[in-house]
Amino acid sequence: MKKVFLLLLIAIFSSCSGQQPKINGVSFVGSPKEISPDAIDPVVQVNANWAAVMPFGFLRNLETPTVVFNIERQWWGERRDGAKRTIELLNEKGIKVMLKPQIWVWRGEFTGNIKMNSEEQWKQLEKSYREFIMLYAQLAKEMKVPILCIGTELHTFAQTRPTYWSELIKEIRTIYKGKLTYAENWDQIAKVPFWKQLDYIGVDAYFPVSESKTPTVEELRAGWQKHKTNIVKLKDTVDKPVLFTEYGYRSVHYTGKEPWDSTVVEGNFNFEAQNNALTALYQEFWDEPWFAGGFIWKWFHNHNEVGGKVNNQFTIQNKPSEKIIKEFYSIH
């Protein structure tokens, strides 16, 4: 009864303050095979109200000008048909969607370093990327998706070819009437040339916030201050709300030191560090009126088979942090 009363008070306060409900999201990883409606139930149970659906295109290397996408060899969830069905299943359970098409470079090389060797190759890449994004802009229109993310961590491409991106955004808006964002890596957000054309400043929020093995919440919040100051400065300059298009921490020692690091290592499990890092992030950002919310990285369809106490990767599934997020998402 007390919890119901508390939730009612929070709802009343949020309504009176004029704030929009926060985007309490998960990054829903594409499945190799078609999923059933049951795969969405754990998303609902963790009190998420949004999910990022992420179809993929592929580049052979950092200098390849052709994006390969929507082919049978891809996983079901990484193609258009799989993305469409995943959106349907999420919507049926009341979960809103950000459609977030992404590029993967073979061997996992960083997409921010994609760079062509000639003007001809740049134009080839632009044509190919346009076809990739417009396919999913059409899907976003068809499915009435509320947010479309037009790219992820492509800083060299974005900064080198600003006119292309400006024109691409204009073209997308001729068919898609929802909100647009772009997901930039934490260390390049101030250099994106087209923020003012979008609706959200999209940040993949893997900021270094602590060098301790098991940092406290207080230490982590202190580590956020310089980054938060820069985020606010950018927000004030661009005059757009901030959306964490990705955020998360591994359940590993030193999780706040290089949060982007996904290197597979054995052991070093540290669930307290993951709990504290997530708690600090929530305490710093979720009550800010200019902060739209975020999508935790990452969430798998086969909930009962992933995560757990022998997993030191990003997912919170079947870890202590799942309870933290469930409680936090319930009141925001």
C-alpha atoms as a PDB file:
ATOM      1  CA  MET A   1       0.000   0.000   0.000  1.00  0.00           C
ATOM      2  CA  LYS A   2       2.847   2.372   0.874  1.00  0.00           C
ATOM      3  CA  LYS A   3       4.529   1.699  -2.460  1.00  0.00           C
ATOM      4  CA  VAL A   4       1.289   2.419  -4.367  1.00  0.00           C
ATOM      5  CA  PHE A   5       0.945   5.718  -2.492  1.00  0.00           C
ATOM      6  CA  LEU A   6       4.567   6.618  -3.251  1.00  0.00           C
ATOM      7  CA  LEU A   7       4.103   5.900  -6.951  1.00  0.00           C
ATOM      8  CA  LEU A   8       0.957   8.029  -6.960  1.00  0.00           C
ATOM      9  CA  LEU A   9       2.818  10.939  -5.375  1.00  0.00           C
ATOM     10  CA  ILE A  10       5.624  10.649  -7.917  1.00  0.00           C
ATOM     11  CA  ALA A  11       3.126  10.570 -10.784  1.00  0.00           C
ATOM     12  CA  ILE A  12       1.373  13.673  -9.428  1.00  0.00           C
ATOM     13  CA  PHE A  13       4.694  15.500  -8.961  1.00  0.00           C
ATOM     14  CA  SER A  14       5.868  14.623 -12.463  1.00  0.00           C
ATOM     15  CA  SER A  15       2.598  15.830 -13.923  1.00  0.00           C
ATOM     16  CA  CYS A  16       2.726  19.091 -11.991  1.00  0.00           C
ATOM     17  CA  SER A  17       6.337  19.725 -12.923  1.00  0.00           C
ATOM     18  CA  GLY A  18       5.515  19.405 -16.616  1.00  0.00           C
ATOM     19  CA  GLN A  19       8.285  16.860 -17.215  1.00  0.00           C
ATOM     20  CA  GLN A  20       7.833  14.157 -19.804  1.00  0.00           C
ATOM     21  CA  PRO A  21       8.079  10.570 -18.519  1.00  0.00           C
ATOM     22  CA  LYS A  22      11.658   9.354 -18.724  1.00  0.00           C
ATOM     23  CA  ILE A  23      12.765   6.897 -21.369  1.00  0.00           C
ATOM     24  CA  ASN A  24      13.568   3.847 -19.236  1.00  0.00           C
ATOM     25  CA  GLY A  25      15.000   1.713 -21.987  1.00  0.00           C
ATOM     26  CA  VAL A  26      16.833  -1.497 -22.769  1.00  0.00           C
ATOM     27  CA  SER A  27      19.012  -2.189 -25.819  1.00  0.00           C
ATOM     28  CA  PHE A  28      17.279  -5.272 -27.237  1.00  0.00           C
ATOM     29  CA  VAL A  29      19.819  -7.450 -29.041  1.00  0.00           C
ATOM     30  CA  GLY A  30      18.693  -8.995 -32.322  1.00  0.00           C
ATOM     31  CA  SER A  31      18.007 -12.716 -32.064  1.00  0.00           C
ATOM     32  CA  PRO A  32      19.509 -15.318 -34.426  1.00  0.00           C
ATOM     33  CA  LYS A  33      16.040 -16.847 -34.857  1.00  0.00           C
ATOM     34  CA  GLU A  34      12.469 -15.632 -34.623  1.00  0.00           C
ATOM     35  CA  ILE A  35      11.340 -14.910 -31.067  1.00  0.00           C
ATOM     36  CA  SER A  36       7.991 -15.475 -29.376  1.00  0.00           C
ATOM     37  CA  PRO A  37       5.917 -12.987 -27.359  1.00  0.00           C
ATOM     38  CA  ASP A  38       7.277 -14.568 -24.169  1.00  0.00           C
ATOM     39  CA  ALA A  39      10.697 -13.050 -24.922  1.00  0.00           C
ATOM     40  CA  ILE A  40       9.274  -9.601 -24.197  1.00  0.00           C
ATOM     41  CA  ASP A  41       7.881 -10.454 -20.747  1.00  0.00           C
ATOM     42  CA  PRO A  42      11.207  -9.923 -18.891  1.00  0.00           C
ATOM     43  CA  VAL A  43      11.458  -6.435 -20.437  1.00  0.00           C
ATOM     44  CA  VAL A  44       8.052  -5.623 -18.992  1.00  0.00           C
ATOM     45  CA  GLN A  45       8.983  -7.172 -15.649  1.00  0.00           C
ATOM     46  CA  VAL A  46      12.042  -4.928 -15.293  1.00  0.00           C
ATOM     47  CA  ASN A  47       9.692  -1.928 -15.714  1.00  0.00           C
ATOM     48  CA  ALA A  48      11.250  -0.727 -18.958  1.00  0.00           C
ATOM     49  CA  ASN A  49       8.928   1.421 -21.055  1.00  0.00           C
ATOM     50  CA  TRP A  50      11.191   1.626 -24.139  1.00  0.00           C
ATOM     51  CA  ALA A  51      13.519  -0.647 -26.088  1.00  0.00           C
ATOM     52  CA  ALA A  52      16.101   0.027 -28.786  1.00  0.00           C
ATOM     53  CA  VAL A  53      15.712  -2.352 -31.734  1.00  0.00           C
ATOM     54  CA  MET A  54      18.981  -2.683 -33.630  1.00  0.00           C
ATOM     55  CA  PRO A  55      19.148  -4.063 -37.176  1.00  0.00           C
ATOM     56  CA  PHE A  56      22.687  -4.216 -38.569  1.00  0.00           C
ATOM     57  CA  GLY A  57      24.659  -3.471 -41.683  1.00  0.00           C
ATOM     58  CA  PHE A  58      28.204  -4.731 -42.165  1.00  0.00           C
ATOM     59  CA  LEU A  59      31.477  -3.435 -43.583  1.00  0.00           C
ATOM     60  CA  ARG A  60      34.330  -5.756 -44.502  1.00  0.00           C
ATOM     61  CA  ASN A  61      36.880  -3.283 -43.116  1.00  0.00           C
ATOM     62  CA  LEU A  62      37.297   0.382 -42.158  1.00  0.00           C
ATOM     63  CA  GLU A  63      37.982   1.381 -45.775  1.00  0.00           C
ATOM     64  CA  THR A  64      35.130  -0.546 -47.420  1.00  0.00           C
ATOM     65  CA  PRO A  65      32.588   1.738 -49.159  1.00  0.00           C
ATOM     66  CA  THR A  66      29.713  -0.772 -49.338  1.00  0.00           C
ATOM     67  CA  VAL A  67      27.322  -1.580 -46.507  1.00  0.00           C
ATOM     68  CA  VAL A  68      25.946  -5.121 -46.643  1.00  0.00           C
ATOM     69  CA  PHE A  69      22.516  -5.337 -45.039  1.00  0.00           C
ATOM     70  CA  ASN A  70      19.151  -7.099 -44.995  1.00  0.00           C
ATOM     71  CA  ILE A  71      20.447 -10.359 -46.447  1.00  0.00           C
ATOM     72  CA  GLU A  72      19.488 -13.933 -45.567  1.00  0.00           C
ATOM     73  CA  ARG A  73      22.890 -14.715 -44.041  1.00  0.00           C
ATOM     74  CA  GLN A  74      22.230 -12.203 -41.257  1.00  0.00           C
ATOM     75  CA  TRP A  75      20.556 -13.088 -37.992  1.00  0.00           C
ATOM     76  CA  TRP A  76      16.769 -12.818 -38.069  1.00  0.00           C
ATOM     77  CA  GLY A  77      16.760  -9.926 -35.594  1.00  0.00           C
ATOM     78  CA  GLU A  78      19.331  -7.979 -37.617  1.00  0.00           C
ATOM     79  CA  ARG A  79      17.225  -7.914 -40.798  1.00  0.00           C
ATOM     80  CA  ARG A  80      14.213  -5.799 -41.682  1.00  0.00           C
ATOM     81  CA  ASP A  81      11.688  -8.599 -41.189  1.00  0.00           C
ATOM     82  CA  GLY A  82      13.097  -9.482 -37.790  1.00  0.00           C
ATOM     83  CA  ALA A  83      13.246  -5.853 -36.698  1.00  0.00           C
ATOM     84  CA  LYS A  84       9.643  -5.342 -37.788  1.00  0.00           C
ATOM     85  CA  ARG A  85       8.388  -8.376 -35.875  1.00  0.00           C
ATOM     86  CA  THR A  86      10.404  -7.418 -32.792  1.00  0.00           C
ATOM     87  CA  ILE A  87       8.844  -3.941 -32.862  1.00  0.00           C
ATOM     88  CA  GLU A  88       5.384  -5.523 -33.125  1.00  0.00           C
ATOM     89  CA  LEU A  89       6.013  -7.797 -30.151  1.00  0.00           C
ATOM     90  CA  LEU A  90       7.356  -4.946 -28.020  1.00  0.00           C
ATOM     91  CA  ASN A  91       4.456  -2.668 -28.937  1.00  0.00           C
ATOM     92  CA  GLU A  92       1.953  -5.404 -28.083  1.00  0.00           C
ATOM     93  CA  LYS A  93       3.344  -5.381 -24.522  1.00  0.00           C
ATOM     94  CA  GLY A  94       3.228  -1.590 -24.274  1.00  0.00           C
ATOM     95  CA  ILE A  95       6.943  -0.990 -24.944  1.00  0.00           C
ATOM     96  CA  LYS A  96       7.829   1.974 -27.180  1.00  0.00           C
ATOM     97  CA  VAL A  97      10.718   1.631 -29.618  1.00  0.00           C
ATOM     98  CA  MET A  98      13.736   3.566 -30.780  1.00  0.00           C
ATOM     99  CA  LEU A  99      14.823   2.019 -34.079  1.00  0.00           C
ATOM    100  CA  LYS A 100      18.631   2.112 -34.101  1.00  0.00           C
ATOM    101  CA  PRO A 101      20.234   0.707 -37.275  1.00  0.00           C
ATOM    102  CA  GLN A 102      23.938   0.124 -36.678  1.00  0.00           C
ATOM    103  CA  ILE A 103      27.099  -0.676 -38.599  1.00  0.00           C
ATOM    104  CA  TRP A 104      29.396  -3.529 -37.611  1.00  0.00           C
ATOM    105  CA  VAL A 105      32.932  -3.671 -39.010  1.00  0.00           C
ATOM    106  CA  TRP A 106      34.407  -7.137 -39.419  1.00  0.00           C
ATOM    107  CA  ARG A 107      36.484  -8.252 -36.405  1.00  0.00           C
ATOM    108  CA  GLY A 108      34.807  -5.593 -34.296  1.00  0.00           C
ATOM    109  CA  GLU A 109      36.943  -2.647 -35.390  1.00  0.00           C
ATOM    110  CA  PHE A 110      35.688   0.701 -34.099  1.00  0.00           C
ATOM    111  CA  THR A 111      33.141   2.313 -36.400  1.00  0.00           C
ATOM    112  CA  GLY A 112      34.398   5.773 -35.479  1.00  0.00           C
ATOM    113  CA  ASN A 113      37.518   5.010 -37.515  1.00  0.00           C
ATOM    114  CA  ILE A 114      35.690   4.295 -40.788  1.00  0.00           C
ATOM    115  CA  LYS A 115      37.466   6.438 -43.371  1.00  0.00           C
ATOM    116  CA  MET A 116      37.606   6.290 -47.148  1.00  0.00           C
ATOM    117  CA  ASN A 117      40.733   6.804 -49.238  1.00  0.00           C
ATOM    118  CA  SER A 118      39.251   8.905 -52.039  1.00  0.00           C
ATOM    119  CA  GLU A 119      36.345  11.170 -52.904  1.00  0.00           C
ATOM    120  CA  GLU A 120      34.963   8.424 -55.127  1.00  0.00           C
ATOM    121  CA  GLN A 121      34.946   5.968 -52.219  1.00  0.00           C
ATOM    122  CA  TRP A 122      33.313   8.511 -49.902  1.00  0.00           C
ATOM    123  CA  LYS A 123      30.510   8.962 -52.433  1.00  0.00           C
ATOM    124  CA  GLN A 124      30.108   5.190 -52.697  1.00  0.00           C
ATOM    125  CA  LEU A 125      29.837   4.892 -48.935  1.00  0.00           C
ATOM    126  CA  GLU A 126      27.364   7.760 -48.773  1.00  0.00           C
ATOM    127  CA  LYS A 127      25.130   6.130 -51.377  1.00  0.00           C
ATOM    128  CA  SER A 128      25.288   2.760 -49.661  1.00  0.00           C
ATOM    129  CA  TYR A 129      24.705   4.171 -46.173  1.00  0.00           C
ATOM    130  CA  ARG A 130      21.771   6.219 -47.462  1.00  0.00           C
ATOM    131  CA  GLU A 131      20.144   3.042 -48.837  1.00  0.00           C
ATOM    132  CA  PHE A 132      20.702   1.334 -45.477  1.00  0.00           C
ATOM    133  CA  ILE A 133      19.226   4.146 -43.394  1.00  0.00           C
ATOM    134  CA  MET A 134      16.331   4.916 -45.733  1.00  0.00           C
ATOM    135  CA  LEU A 135      15.227   1.275 -45.624  1.00  0.00           C
ATOM    136  CA  TYR A 136      14.846   1.603 -41.874  1.00  0.00           C
ATOM    137  CA  ALA A 137      13.395   5.118 -42.053  1.00  0.00           C
ATOM    138  CA  GLN A 138      10.628   3.568 -44.141  1.00  0.00           C
ATOM    139  CA  LEU A 139      10.192   0.851 -41.512  1.00  0.00           C
ATOM    140  CA  ALA A 140      10.079   3.502 -38.775  1.00  0.00           C
ATOM    141  CA  LYS A 141       7.339   5.276 -40.726  1.00  0.00           C
ATOM    142  CA  GLU A 142       5.411   2.060 -41.330  1.00  0.00           C
ATOM    143  CA  MET A 143       5.566   1.008 -37.674  1.00  0.00           C
ATOM    144  CA  LYS A 144       5.009   4.525 -36.318  1.00  0.00           C
ATOM    145  CA  VAL A 145       8.209   4.232 -34.289  1.00  0.00           C
ATOM    146  CA  PRO A 146       8.560   7.294 -31.999  1.00  0.00           C
ATOM    147  CA  ILE A 147      12.367   7.683 -32.342  1.00  0.00           C
ATOM    148  CA  LEU A 148      14.772   6.837 -35.161  1.00  0.00           C
ATOM    149  CA  CYS A 149      18.519   6.877 -34.534  1.00  0.00           C
ATOM    150  CA  ILE A 150      20.289   7.675 -37.815  1.00  0.00           C
ATOM    151  CA  GLY A 151      23.760   6.368 -36.918  1.00  0.00           C
ATOM    152  CA  THR A 152      25.961   5.065 -34.131  1.00  0.00           C
ATOM    153  CA  GLU A 153      29.534   6.079 -33.284  1.00  0.00           C
ATOM    154  CA  LEU A 154      30.577   7.261 -36.751  1.00  0.00           C
ATOM    155  CA  HIS A 155      32.543  10.346 -35.774  1.00  0.00           C
ATOM    156  CA  THR A 156      35.057  10.398 -38.656  1.00  0.00           C
ATOM    157  CA  PHE A 157      32.260   9.937 -41.195  1.00  0.00           C
ATOM    158  CA  ALA A 158      30.094  12.556 -39.464  1.00  0.00           C
ATOM    159  CA  GLN A 159      32.826  15.165 -39.094  1.00  0.00           C
ATOM    160  CA  THR A 160      34.393  14.637 -42.535  1.00  0.00           C
ATOM    161  CA  ARG A 161      31.137  14.719 -44.524  1.00  0.00           C
ATOM    162  CA  PRO A 162      28.820  17.174 -42.726  1.00  0.00           C
ATOM    163  CA  THR A 163      26.959  18.270 -45.885  1.00  0.00           C
ATOM    164  CA  TYR A 164      26.028  14.682 -46.652  1.00  0.00           C
ATOM    165  CA  TRP A 165      24.603  14.171 -43.172  1.00  0.00           C
ATOM    166  CA  SER A 166      22.653  17.415 -43.284  1.00  0.00           C
ATOM    167  CA  GLU A 167      21.048  16.416 -46.580  1.00  0.00           C
ATOM    168  CA  LEU A 168      20.391  12.870 -45.332  1.00  0.00           C
ATOM    169  CA  ILE A 169      18.525  14.237 -42.308  1.00  0.00           C
ATOM    170  CA  LYS A 170      16.397  16.433 -44.569  1.00  0.00           C
ATOM    171  CA  GLU A 171      15.583  13.445 -46.776  1.00  0.00           C
ATOM    172  CA  ILE A 172      14.650  11.264 -43.802  1.00  0.00           C
ATOM    173  CA  ARG A 173      12.278  13.952 -42.549  1.00  0.00           C
ATOM    174  CA  THR A 174      10.393  13.939 -45.877  1.00  0.00           C
ATOM    175  CA  ILE A 175       9.075  10.443 -45.051  1.00  0.00           C
ATOM    176  CA  TYR A 176       9.468   9.981 -41.294  1.00  0.00           C
ATOM    177  CA  LYS A 177       7.677  12.339 -38.919  1.00  0.00           C
ATOM    178  CA  GLY A 178       8.896  11.030 -35.561  1.00  0.00           C
ATOM    179  CA  LYS A 179      11.869  12.200 -33.486  1.00  0.00           C
ATOM    180  CA  LEU A 180      15.451  11.851 -34.720  1.00  0.00           C
ATOM    181  CA  THR A 181      18.695  11.320 -32.871  1.00  0.00           C
ATOM    182  CA  TYR A 182      22.236  10.154 -33.571  1.00  0.00           C
ATOM    183  CA  ALA A 183      24.291   8.085 -31.112  1.00  0.00           C
ATOM    184  CA  GLU A 184      27.795   9.508 -30.730  1.00  0.00           C
ATOM    185  CA  ASN A 185      30.581   8.106 -28.605  1.00  0.00           C
ATOM    186  CA  TRP A 186      31.065   9.933 -25.305  1.00  0.00           C
ATOM    187  CA  ASP A 187      34.373  11.585 -26.278  1.00  0.00           C
ATOM    188  CA  GLN A 188      33.141  13.043 -29.600  1.00  0.00           C
ATOM    189  CA  ILE A 189      29.756  14.522 -28.709  1.00  0.00           C
ATOM    190  CA  ALA A 190      30.944  18.147 -28.877  1.00  0.00           C
ATOM    191  CA  LYS A 191      32.091  17.698 -32.502  1.00  0.00           C
ATOM    192  CA  VAL A 192      28.884  16.481 -34.144  1.00  0.00           C
ATOM    193  CA  PRO A 193      28.052  19.110 -36.810  1.00  0.00           C
ATOM    194  CA  PHE A 194      24.315  18.432 -37.138  1.00  0.00           C
ATOM    195  CA  TRP A 195      22.899  18.300 -33.590  1.00  0.00           C
ATOM    196  CA  LYS A 196      20.605  21.271 -34.219  1.00  0.00           C
ATOM    197  CA  GLN A 197      18.839  19.366 -37.017  1.00  0.00           C
ATOM    198  CA  LEU A 198      17.904  16.547 -34.631  1.00  0.00           C
ATOM    199  CA  ASP A 199      15.505  16.238 -31.706  1.00  0.00           C
ATOM    200  CA  TYR A 200      17.849  14.683 -29.135  1.00  0.00           C
ATOM    201  CA  ILE A 201      21.575  14.817 -28.411  1.00  0.00           C
ATOM    202  CA  GLY A 202      22.315  11.087 -28.444  1.00  0.00           C
ATOM    203  CA  VAL A 203      25.188   9.982 -26.219  1.00  0.00           C
ATOM    204  CA  ASP A 204      26.743   6.537 -25.873  1.00  0.00           C
ATOM    205  CA  ALA A 205      27.629   7.271 -22.276  1.00  0.00           C
ATOM    206  CA  TYR A 206      30.750   5.234 -21.544  1.00  0.00           C
ATOM    207  CA  PHE A 207      32.508   8.078 -19.734  1.00  0.00           C
ATOM    208  CA  PRO A 208      35.446   7.159 -17.464  1.00  0.00           C
ATOM    209  CA  VAL A 209      34.280   7.994 -13.938  1.00  0.00           C
ATOM    210  CA  SER A 210      36.536   6.081 -11.524  1.00  0.00           C
ATOM    211  CA  GLU A 211      39.851   4.262 -11.354  1.00  0.00           C
ATOM    212  CA  SER A 212      38.936   2.229  -8.261  1.00  0.00           C
ATOM    213  CA  LYS A 213      38.466  -1.523  -8.191  1.00  0.00           C
ATOM    214  CA  THR A 214      35.124  -1.209  -6.396  1.00  0.00           C
ATOM    215  CA  PRO A 215      34.177   2.477  -6.437  1.00  0.00           C
ATOM    216  CA  THR A 216      31.547   3.852  -4.077  1.00  0.00           C
ATOM    217  CA  VAL A 217      28.465   5.670  -5.326  1.00  0.00           C
ATOM    218  CA  GLU A 218      29.868   8.919  -3.909  1.00  0.00           C
ATOM    219  CA  GLU A 219      33.178   8.481  -5.722  1.00  0.00           C
ATOM    220  CA  LEU A 220      31.407   7.691  -8.971  1.00  0.00           C
ATOM    221  CA  ARG A 221      29.146  10.725  -8.685  1.00  0.00           C
ATOM    222  CA  ALA A 222      32.204  12.894  -8.118  1.00  0.00           C
ATOM    223  CA  GLY A 223      33.773  11.354 -11.226  1.00  0.00           C
ATOM    224  CA  TRP A 224      30.743  12.369 -13.272  1.00  0.00           C
ATOM    225  CA  GLN A 225      30.975  16.093 -12.518  1.00  0.00           C
ATOM    226  CA  LYS A 226      33.408  17.214 -15.225  1.00  0.00           C
ATOM    227  CA  HIS A 227      31.583  15.149 -17.835  1.00  0.00           C
ATOM    228  CA  LYS A 228      28.186  16.382 -16.699  1.00  0.00           C
ATOM    229  CA  THR A 229      29.400  19.985 -16.948  1.00  0.00           C
ATOM    230  CA  ASN A 230      30.401  19.378 -20.562  1.00  0.00           C
ATOM    231  CA  ILE A 231      27.095  17.674 -21.351  1.00  0.00           C
ATOM    232  CA  VAL A 232      25.172  20.621 -19.922  1.00  0.00           C
ATOM    233  CA  LYS A 233      27.316  23.056 -21.911  1.00  0.00           C
ATOM    234  CA  LEU A 234      26.544  21.158 -25.110  1.00  0.00           C
ATOM    235  CA  LYS A 235      22.859  20.965 -24.211  1.00  0.00           C
ATOM    236  CA  ASP A 236      22.753  24.716 -23.643  1.00  0.00           C
ATOM    237  CA  THR A 237      24.542  25.415 -26.942  1.00  0.00           C
ATOM    238  CA  VAL A 238      22.385  23.119 -29.056  1.00  0.00           C
ATOM    239  CA  ASP A 239      19.179  23.606 -27.062  1.00  0.00           C
ATOM    240  CA  LYS A 240      18.121  19.966 -27.307  1.00  0.00           C
ATOM    241  CA  PRO A 241      17.407  17.363 -24.603  1.00  0.00           C
ATOM    242  CA  VAL A 242      20.037  14.701 -23.908  1.00  0.00           C
ATOM    243  CA  LEU A 243      19.332  11.013 -24.467  1.00  0.00           C
ATOM    244  CA  PHE A 244      21.738   8.265 -23.416  1.00  0.00           C
ATOM    245  CA  THR A 245      21.365   6.124 -26.541  1.00  0.00           C
ATOM    246  CA  GLU A 246      23.540   3.580 -24.723  1.00  0.00           C
ATOM    247  CA  TYR A 247      24.700   3.360 -21.128  1.00  0.00           C
ATOM    248  CA  GLY A 248      25.928   0.519 -18.948  1.00  0.00           C
ATOM    249  CA  TYR A 249      28.722  -1.053 -16.962  1.00  0.00           C
ATOM    250  CA  ARG A 250      30.222  -4.495 -16.796  1.00  0.00           C
ATOM    251  CA  SER A 251      30.058  -6.573 -13.619  1.00  0.00           C
ATOM    252  CA  VAL A 252      33.837  -6.518 -13.383  1.00  0.00           C
ATOM    253  CA  HIS A 253      36.626  -4.909 -11.334  1.00  0.00           C
ATOM    254  CA  TYR A 254      37.410  -1.296 -12.331  1.00  0.00           C
ATOM    255  CA  THR A 255      34.127  -1.036 -14.232  1.00  0.00           C
ATOM    256  CA  GLY A 256      34.183   2.780 -14.144  1.00  0.00           C
ATOM    257  CA  LYS A 257      37.736   3.128 -15.499  1.00  0.00           C
ATOM    258  CA  GLU A 258      37.145   2.297 -19.177  1.00  0.00           C
ATOM    259  CA  PRO A 259      33.425   1.482 -19.369  1.00  0.00           C
ATOM    260  CA  TRP A 260      33.568   0.985 -23.136  1.00  0.00           C
ATOM    261  CA  ASP A 261      35.939  -1.981 -22.809  1.00  0.00           C
ATOM    262  CA  SER A 262      34.225  -5.229 -23.846  1.00  0.00           C
ATOM    263  CA  THR A 263      37.342  -7.415 -23.858  1.00  0.00           C
ATOM    264  CA  VAL A 264      36.484 -10.976 -22.900  1.00  0.00           C
ATOM    265  CA  VAL A 265      38.347 -11.921 -19.722  1.00  0.00           C
ATOM    266  CA  GLU A 266      37.770 -14.729 -17.252  1.00  0.00           C
ATOM    267  CA  GLY A 267      36.721 -13.988 -13.695  1.00  0.00           C
ATOM    268  CA  ASN A 268      37.129 -10.574 -12.029  1.00  0.00           C
ATOM    269  CA  PHE A 269      33.419 -10.608 -11.193  1.00  0.00           C
ATOM    270  CA  ASN A 270      32.328  -7.503  -9.319  1.00  0.00           C
ATOM    271  CA  PHE A 271      28.596  -7.058  -8.989  1.00  0.00           C
ATOM    272  CA  GLU A 272      28.904  -4.356  -6.348  1.00  0.00           C
ATOM    273  CA  ALA A 273      30.884  -2.190  -8.759  1.00  0.00           C
ATOM    274  CA  GLN A 274      28.207  -2.594 -11.429  1.00  0.00           C
ATOM    275  CA  ASN A 275      25.459  -1.792  -8.910  1.00  0.00           C
ATOM    276  CA  ASN A 276      27.242   1.325  -7.668  1.00  0.00           C
ATOM    277  CA  ALA A 277      28.066   2.614 -11.143  1.00  0.00           C
ATOM    278  CA  LEU A 278      24.477   2.314 -12.313  1.00  0.00           C
ATOM    279  CA  THR A 279      23.134   3.857  -9.116  1.00  0.00           C
ATOM    280  CA  ALA A 280      25.460   6.861  -9.462  1.00  0.00           C
ATOM    281  CA  LEU A 281      24.439   7.405 -13.075  1.00  0.00           C
ATOM    282  CA  TYR A 282      20.763   7.334 -12.160  1.00  0.00           C
ATOM    283  CA  GLN A 283      21.234   9.699  -9.248  1.00  0.00           C
ATOM    284  CA  GLU A 284      23.140  12.173 -11.399  1.00  0.00           C
ATOM    285  CA  PHE A 285      20.878  12.265 -14.435  1.00  0.00           C
ATOM    286  CA  TRP A 286      17.370  10.876 -14.140  1.00  0.00           C
ATOM    287  CA  ASP A 287      15.928  13.799 -12.179  1.00  0.00           C
ATOM    288  CA  GLU A 288      17.378  16.439 -14.509  1.00  0.00           C
ATOM    289  CA  PRO A 289      14.603  18.126 -16.542  1.00  0.00           C
ATOM    290  CA  TRP A 290      16.807  18.314 -19.653  1.00  0.00           C
ATOM    291  CA  PHE A 291      17.617  14.602 -19.555  1.00  0.00           C
ATOM    292  CA  ALA A 292      15.282  12.400 -21.618  1.00  0.00           C
ATOM    293  CA  GLY A 293      16.415   8.998 -20.305  1.00  0.00           C
ATOM    294  CA  GLY A 294      18.418   6.154 -21.763  1.00  0.00           C
ATOM    295  CA  PHE A 295      18.825   2.596 -23.010  1.00  0.00           C
ATOM    296  CA  ILE A 296      20.867   0.181 -20.912  1.00  0.00           C
ATOM    297  CA  TRP A 297      23.377  -1.958 -22.812  1.00  0.00           C
ATOM    298  CA  LYS A 298      22.438  -4.722 -23.364  1.00  0.00           C
ATOM    299  CA  TRP A 299      19.368  -6.990 -23.165  1.00  0.00           C
ATOM    300  CA  PHE A 300      19.012 -10.455 -24.694  1.00  0.00           C
ATOM    301  CA  HIS A 301      15.835 -12.223 -25.816  1.00  0.00           C
ATOM    302  CA  ASN A 302      16.661 -15.533 -24.059  1.00  0.00           C
ATOM    303  CA  HIS A 303      16.483 -14.110 -20.554  1.00  0.00           C
ATOM    304  CA  ASN A 304      16.798 -17.330 -18.584  1.00  0.00           C
ATOM    305  CA  GLU A 305      19.947 -18.391 -20.423  1.00  0.00           C
ATOM    306  CA  VAL A 306      22.072 -15.236 -20.165  1.00  0.00           C
ATOM    307  CA  GLY A 307      23.894 -13.135 -17.590  1.00  0.00           C
ATOM    308  CA  GLY A 308      24.048 -14.475 -14.065  1.00  0.00           C
ATOM    309  CA  LYS A 309      26.881 -14.729 -11.606  1.00  0.00           C
ATOM    310  CA  VAL A 310      29.368 -16.284 -14.029  1.00  0.00           C
ATOM    311  CA  ASN A 311      29.026 -13.390 -16.479  1.00  0.00           C
ATOM    312  CA  ASN A 312      31.167 -10.244 -16.244  1.00  0.00           C
ATOM    313  CA  GLN A 313      29.824  -8.536 -19.370  1.00  0.00           C
ATOM    314  CA  PHE A 314      27.391  -5.629 -19.649  1.00  0.00           C
ATOM    315  CA  THR A 315      24.033  -7.324 -19.310  1.00  0.00           C
ATOM    316  CA  ILE A 316      22.205  -6.926 -15.993  1.00  0.00           C
ATOM    317  CA  GLN A 317      20.059  -9.976 -16.619  1.00  0.00           C
ATOM    318  CA  ASN A 318      19.977 -12.417 -13.697  1.00  0.00           C
ATOM    319  CA  LYS A 319      22.422 -10.237 -11.740  1.00  0.00           C
ATOM    320  CA  PRO A 320      21.876  -8.056  -8.663  1.00  0.00           C
ATOM    321  CA  SER A 321      21.715  -4.970 -10.912  1.00  0.00           C
ATOM    322  CA  GLU A 322      18.544  -6.257 -12.524  1.00  0.00           C
ATOM    323  CA  LYS A 323      16.724  -5.643  -9.239  1.00  0.00           C
ATOM    324  CA  ILE A 324      18.227  -2.143  -8.973  1.00  0.00           C
ATOM    325  CA  ILE A 325      16.998  -1.209 -12.439  1.00  0.00           C
ATOM    326  CA  LYS A 326      13.590  -2.769 -11.855  1.00  0.00           C
ATOM    327  CA  GLU A 327      13.139  -0.630  -8.741  1.00  0.00           C
ATOM    328  CA  PHE A 328      14.561   2.512 -10.309  1.00  0.00           C
ATOM    329  CA  TYR A 329      12.532   2.221 -13.504  1.00  0.00           C
ATOM    330  CA  SER A 330       9.381   1.713 -11.405  1.00  0.00           C
ATOM    331  CA  ILE A 331       9.585   5.241  -9.957  1.00  0.00           C
ATOM    332  CA  HIS A 332      10.904   7.216 -12.920  1.00  0.00           C
END
